[in-house]
Amino acid sequence: QVQLVESGGGLVQAGGSLRLSCAASGRRFNNAVMGWFRQAPGKERECVAAINWNGSATYYADSVKGRFTISRDNAKNTMYLQMNNLKPEDTAVYYCAAGETPFLSSRYRSDRSYDYWGQGTQVTVSS
């Protein structure tokens, strides 16, 4: 059974940092694009960052550029999202996702391009 499990969410004050992890099991994703999405109440799910199979190419939403860093450790079958200088508008449930192809393209900004999803982890940023 393929599973993606997020961890590292929580409550933090504005300006603080969190590091999310996404641990995969059941199959290896070292040849697949992976991404982080978030969904705030009443809003659509949006892609905040994505990474290609070996970490050499990344994508960031404009709202998180310069504050968030996506990375992966294929040996551990794990992906990370380092979130710095958090803002109240970053409050959301964060999901990790994995696709089936290795190369990053604009289509990976859409949640329809991913085949595997985690259950989500809540991030709350207080002002």
C-alpha atoms as a PDB file:
ATOM      1  CA  GLN A   1       0.000   0.000   0.000  1.00  0.00           C
ATOM      2  CA  VAL A   2       1.414   3.353  -1.055  1.00  0.00           C
ATOM      3  CA  GLN A   3       1.351   6.010   1.630  1.00  0.00           C
ATOM      4  CA  LEU A   4       2.518   9.593   1.944  1.00  0.00           C
ATOM      5  CA  VAL A   5       2.613  10.839   5.520  1.00  0.00           C
ATOM      6  CA  GLU A   6       3.142  14.504   6.371  1.00  0.00           C
ATOM      7  CA  SER A   7       4.498  15.704   9.682  1.00  0.00           C
ATOM      8  CA  GLY A   8       5.871  18.882  11.197  1.00  0.00           C
ATOM      9  CA  GLY A   9       2.811  21.097  11.167  1.00  0.00           C
ATOM     10  CA  GLY A  10       1.690  23.099  14.161  1.00  0.00           C
ATOM     11  CA  LEU A  11       1.035  26.524  15.630  1.00  0.00           C
ATOM     12  CA  VAL A  12       3.665  29.223  15.211  1.00  0.00           C
ATOM     13  CA  GLN A  13       3.799  32.979  15.570  1.00  0.00           C
ATOM     14  CA  ALA A  14       4.203  35.224  12.571  1.00  0.00           C
ATOM     15  CA  GLY A  15       7.851  35.404  11.584  1.00  0.00           C
ATOM     16  CA  GLY A  16       8.540  31.914  12.852  1.00  0.00           C
ATOM     17  CA  SER A  17       9.584  28.777  11.016  1.00  0.00           C
ATOM     18  CA  LEU A  18       8.378  25.234  10.508  1.00  0.00           C
ATOM     19  CA  ARG A  19       9.772  22.288   8.597  1.00  0.00           C
ATOM     20  CA  LEU A  20       7.322  19.866   7.033  1.00  0.00           C
ATOM     21  CA  SER A  21       8.299  16.327   6.105  1.00  0.00           C
ATOM     22  CA  CYS A  22       6.605  13.907   3.739  1.00  0.00           C
ATOM     23  CA  ALA A  23       7.636  10.288   4.196  1.00  0.00           C
ATOM     24  CA  ALA A  24       6.695   7.853   1.451  1.00  0.00           C
ATOM     25  CA  SER A  25       6.238   4.131   1.844  1.00  0.00           C
ATOM     26  CA  GLY A  26       5.015   1.286  -0.294  1.00  0.00           C
ATOM     27  CA  ARG A  27       6.999   2.367  -3.353  1.00  0.00           C
ATOM     28  CA  ARG A  28       9.924   4.559  -4.180  1.00  0.00           C
ATOM     29  CA  PHE A  29       9.365   8.031  -5.641  1.00  0.00           C
ATOM     30  CA  ASN A  30      12.968   8.772  -6.580  1.00  0.00           C
ATOM     31  CA  ASN A  31      11.957   9.089 -10.237  1.00  0.00           C
ATOM     32  CA  ALA A  32       8.861  11.232  -9.747  1.00  0.00           C
ATOM     33  CA  VAL A  33       7.937  14.867  -9.360  1.00  0.00           C
ATOM     34  CA  MET A  34       6.695  15.685  -5.875  1.00  0.00           C
ATOM     35  CA  GLY A  35       4.898  18.742  -4.606  1.00  0.00           C
ATOM     36  CA  TRP A  36       3.456  20.580  -1.641  1.00  0.00           C
ATOM     37  CA  PHE A  37      -0.069  21.976  -1.783  1.00  0.00           C
ATOM     38  CA  ARG A  38      -2.112  23.886   0.730  1.00  0.00           C
ATOM     39  CA  GLN A  39      -5.765  24.608   1.261  1.00  0.00           C
ATOM     40  CA  ALA A  40      -7.134  27.311   3.490  1.00  0.00           C
ATOM     41  CA  PRO A  41     -10.791  27.360   4.602  1.00  0.00           C
ATOM     42  CA  GLY A  42     -13.030  28.525   1.802  1.00  0.00           C
ATOM     43  CA  LYS A  43     -10.211  28.537  -0.737  1.00  0.00           C
ATOM     44  CA  GLU A  44      -9.090  26.210  -3.487  1.00  0.00           C
ATOM     45  CA  ARG A  45      -6.100  23.945  -3.026  1.00  0.00           C
ATOM     46  CA  GLU A  46      -2.981  25.583  -4.445  1.00  0.00           C
ATOM     47  CA  CYS A  47       0.490  24.375  -5.267  1.00  0.00           C
ATOM     48  CA  VAL A  48       3.098  26.160  -3.159  1.00  0.00           C
ATOM     49  CA  ALA A  49       6.167  24.239  -4.350  1.00  0.00           C
ATOM     50  CA  ALA A  50       7.209  21.330  -6.526  1.00  0.00           C
ATOM     51  CA  ILE A  51      10.471  19.514  -7.182  1.00  0.00           C
ATOM     52  CA  ASN A  52      11.743  17.260  -9.925  1.00  0.00           C
ATOM     53  CA  TRP A  53      13.102  13.767  -9.446  1.00  0.00           C
ATOM     54  CA  ASN A  54      16.615  14.703  -8.331  1.00  0.00           C
ATOM     55  CA  GLY A  55      16.035  18.139  -6.850  1.00  0.00           C
ATOM     56  CA  SER A  56      17.729  20.038  -9.674  1.00  0.00           C
ATOM     57  CA  ALA A  57      14.559  21.906 -10.639  1.00  0.00           C
ATOM     58  CA  THR A  58      11.983  23.525  -8.388  1.00  0.00           C
ATOM     59  CA  TYR A  59       8.855  25.639  -8.604  1.00  0.00           C
ATOM     60  CA  TYR A  60       7.501  28.098  -6.034  1.00  0.00           C
ATOM     61  CA  ALA A  61       4.304  30.046  -5.927  1.00  0.00           C
ATOM     62  CA  ASP A  62       4.928  33.782  -5.919  1.00  0.00           C
ATOM     63  CA  SER A  63       3.416  34.054  -2.451  1.00  0.00           C
ATOM     64  CA  VAL A  64       6.144  31.876  -0.898  1.00  0.00           C
ATOM     65  CA  LYS A  65       9.220  32.675  -2.992  1.00  0.00           C
ATOM     66  CA  GLY A  66      12.182  33.586  -0.850  1.00  0.00           C
ATOM     67  CA  ARG A  67      10.533  32.176   2.291  1.00  0.00           C
ATOM     68  CA  PHE A  68       9.901  28.477   1.547  1.00  0.00           C
ATOM     69  CA  THR A  69      12.417  25.889   0.365  1.00  0.00           C
ATOM     70  CA  ILE A  70      11.478  22.502  -1.036  1.00  0.00           C
ATOM     71  CA  SER A  71      13.956  19.626  -0.973  1.00  0.00           C
ATOM     72  CA  ARG A  72      14.046  15.855  -1.109  1.00  0.00           C
ATOM     73  CA  ASP A  73      16.200  12.986   0.081  1.00  0.00           C
ATOM     74  CA  ASN A  74      15.655  10.093  -2.294  1.00  0.00           C
ATOM     75  CA  ALA A  75      17.686   7.735  -0.135  1.00  0.00           C
ATOM     76  CA  LYS A  76      15.100   8.290   2.607  1.00  0.00           C
ATOM     77  CA  ASN A  77      12.145   8.493   0.200  1.00  0.00           C
ATOM     78  CA  THR A  78      11.267  11.771   1.917  1.00  0.00           C
ATOM     79  CA  MET A  79      10.469  15.319   0.843  1.00  0.00           C
ATOM     80  CA  TYR A  80      10.690  18.471   2.932  1.00  0.00           C
ATOM     81  CA  LEU A  81       9.328  22.006   3.005  1.00  0.00           C
ATOM     82  CA  GLN A  82      11.269  24.517   5.067  1.00  0.00           C
ATOM     83  CA  MET A  83       9.005  27.455   5.810  1.00  0.00           C
ATOM     84  CA  ASN A  84      10.577  30.641   7.150  1.00  0.00           C
ATOM     85  CA  ASN A  85       9.151  34.069   7.971  1.00  0.00           C
ATOM     86  CA  LEU A  86       5.677  32.588   8.190  1.00  0.00           C
ATOM     87  CA  LYS A  87       2.684  34.883   7.802  1.00  0.00           C
ATOM     88  CA  PRO A  88      -0.912  34.501   8.990  1.00  0.00           C
ATOM     89  CA  GLU A  89      -1.953  34.032   5.356  1.00  0.00           C
ATOM     90  CA  ASP A  90       0.147  30.846   5.258  1.00  0.00           C
ATOM     91  CA  THR A  91      -2.375  29.224   7.588  1.00  0.00           C
ATOM     92  CA  ALA A  92      -3.773  26.144   5.836  1.00  0.00           C
ATOM     93  CA  VAL A  93      -3.735  22.387   5.677  1.00  0.00           C
ATOM     94  CA  TYR A  94      -0.594  21.368   3.829  1.00  0.00           C
ATOM     95  CA  TYR A  95      -0.553  18.267   1.651  1.00  0.00           C
ATOM     96  CA  CYS A  96       2.276  16.447  -0.059  1.00  0.00           C
ATOM     97  CA  ALA A  97       1.753  14.757  -3.387  1.00  0.00           C
ATOM     98  CA  ALA A  98       3.646  12.609  -5.866  1.00  0.00           C
ATOM     99  CA  GLY A  99       3.296  12.227  -9.603  1.00  0.00           C
ATOM    100  CA  GLU A 100       4.416   9.554 -12.019  1.00  0.00           C
ATOM    101  CA  THR A 101       6.990  11.316 -14.217  1.00  0.00           C
ATOM    102  CA  PRO A 102      10.418  12.718 -13.304  1.00  0.00           C
ATOM    103  CA  PHE A 103      10.498  16.097 -15.033  1.00  0.00           C
ATOM    104  CA  LEU A 104       8.972  19.304 -13.763  1.00  0.00           C
ATOM    105  CA  SER A 105       6.656  21.241 -16.033  1.00  0.00           C
ATOM    106  CA  SER A 106       3.918  23.816 -15.585  1.00  0.00           C
ATOM    107  CA  ARG A 107       1.278  21.088 -15.395  1.00  0.00           C
ATOM    108  CA  TYR A 108       2.586  20.110 -11.967  1.00  0.00           C
ATOM    109  CA  ARG A 109       1.104  23.297 -10.572  1.00  0.00           C
ATOM    110  CA  SER A 110      -2.239  21.549 -10.912  1.00  0.00           C
ATOM    111  CA  ASP A 111      -3.356  18.989  -8.362  1.00  0.00           C
ATOM    112  CA  ARG A 112      -4.756  16.923 -11.233  1.00  0.00           C
ATOM    113  CA  SER A 113      -1.202  15.980 -12.233  1.00  0.00           C
ATOM    114  CA  TYR A 114      -0.530  14.082  -9.020  1.00  0.00           C
ATOM    115  CA  ASP A 115      -1.518  10.517  -8.320  1.00  0.00           C
ATOM    116  CA  TYR A 116      -0.644  10.059  -4.659  1.00  0.00           C
ATOM    117  CA  TRP A 117      -1.594  12.283  -1.725  1.00  0.00           C
ATOM    118  CA  GLY A 118      -0.932  12.510   1.964  1.00  0.00           C
ATOM    119  CA  GLN A 119      -3.605  13.149   4.562  1.00  0.00           C
ATOM    120  CA  GLY A 120      -2.476  16.693   5.301  1.00  0.00           C
ATOM    121  CA  THR A 121      -0.975  18.539   8.242  1.00  0.00           C
ATOM    122  CA  GLN A 122      -2.333  21.744   9.758  1.00  0.00           C
ATOM    123  CA  VAL A 123      -0.166  24.850   9.824  1.00  0.00           C
ATOM    124  CA  THR A 124      -1.498  27.773  11.823  1.00  0.00           C
ATOM    125  CA  VAL A 125       0.312  31.096  11.966  1.00  0.00           C
ATOM    126  CA  SER A 126      -0.830  33.556  14.597  1.00  0.00           C
ATOM    127  CA  SER A 127      -0.393  37.292  14.245  1.00  0.00           C
END
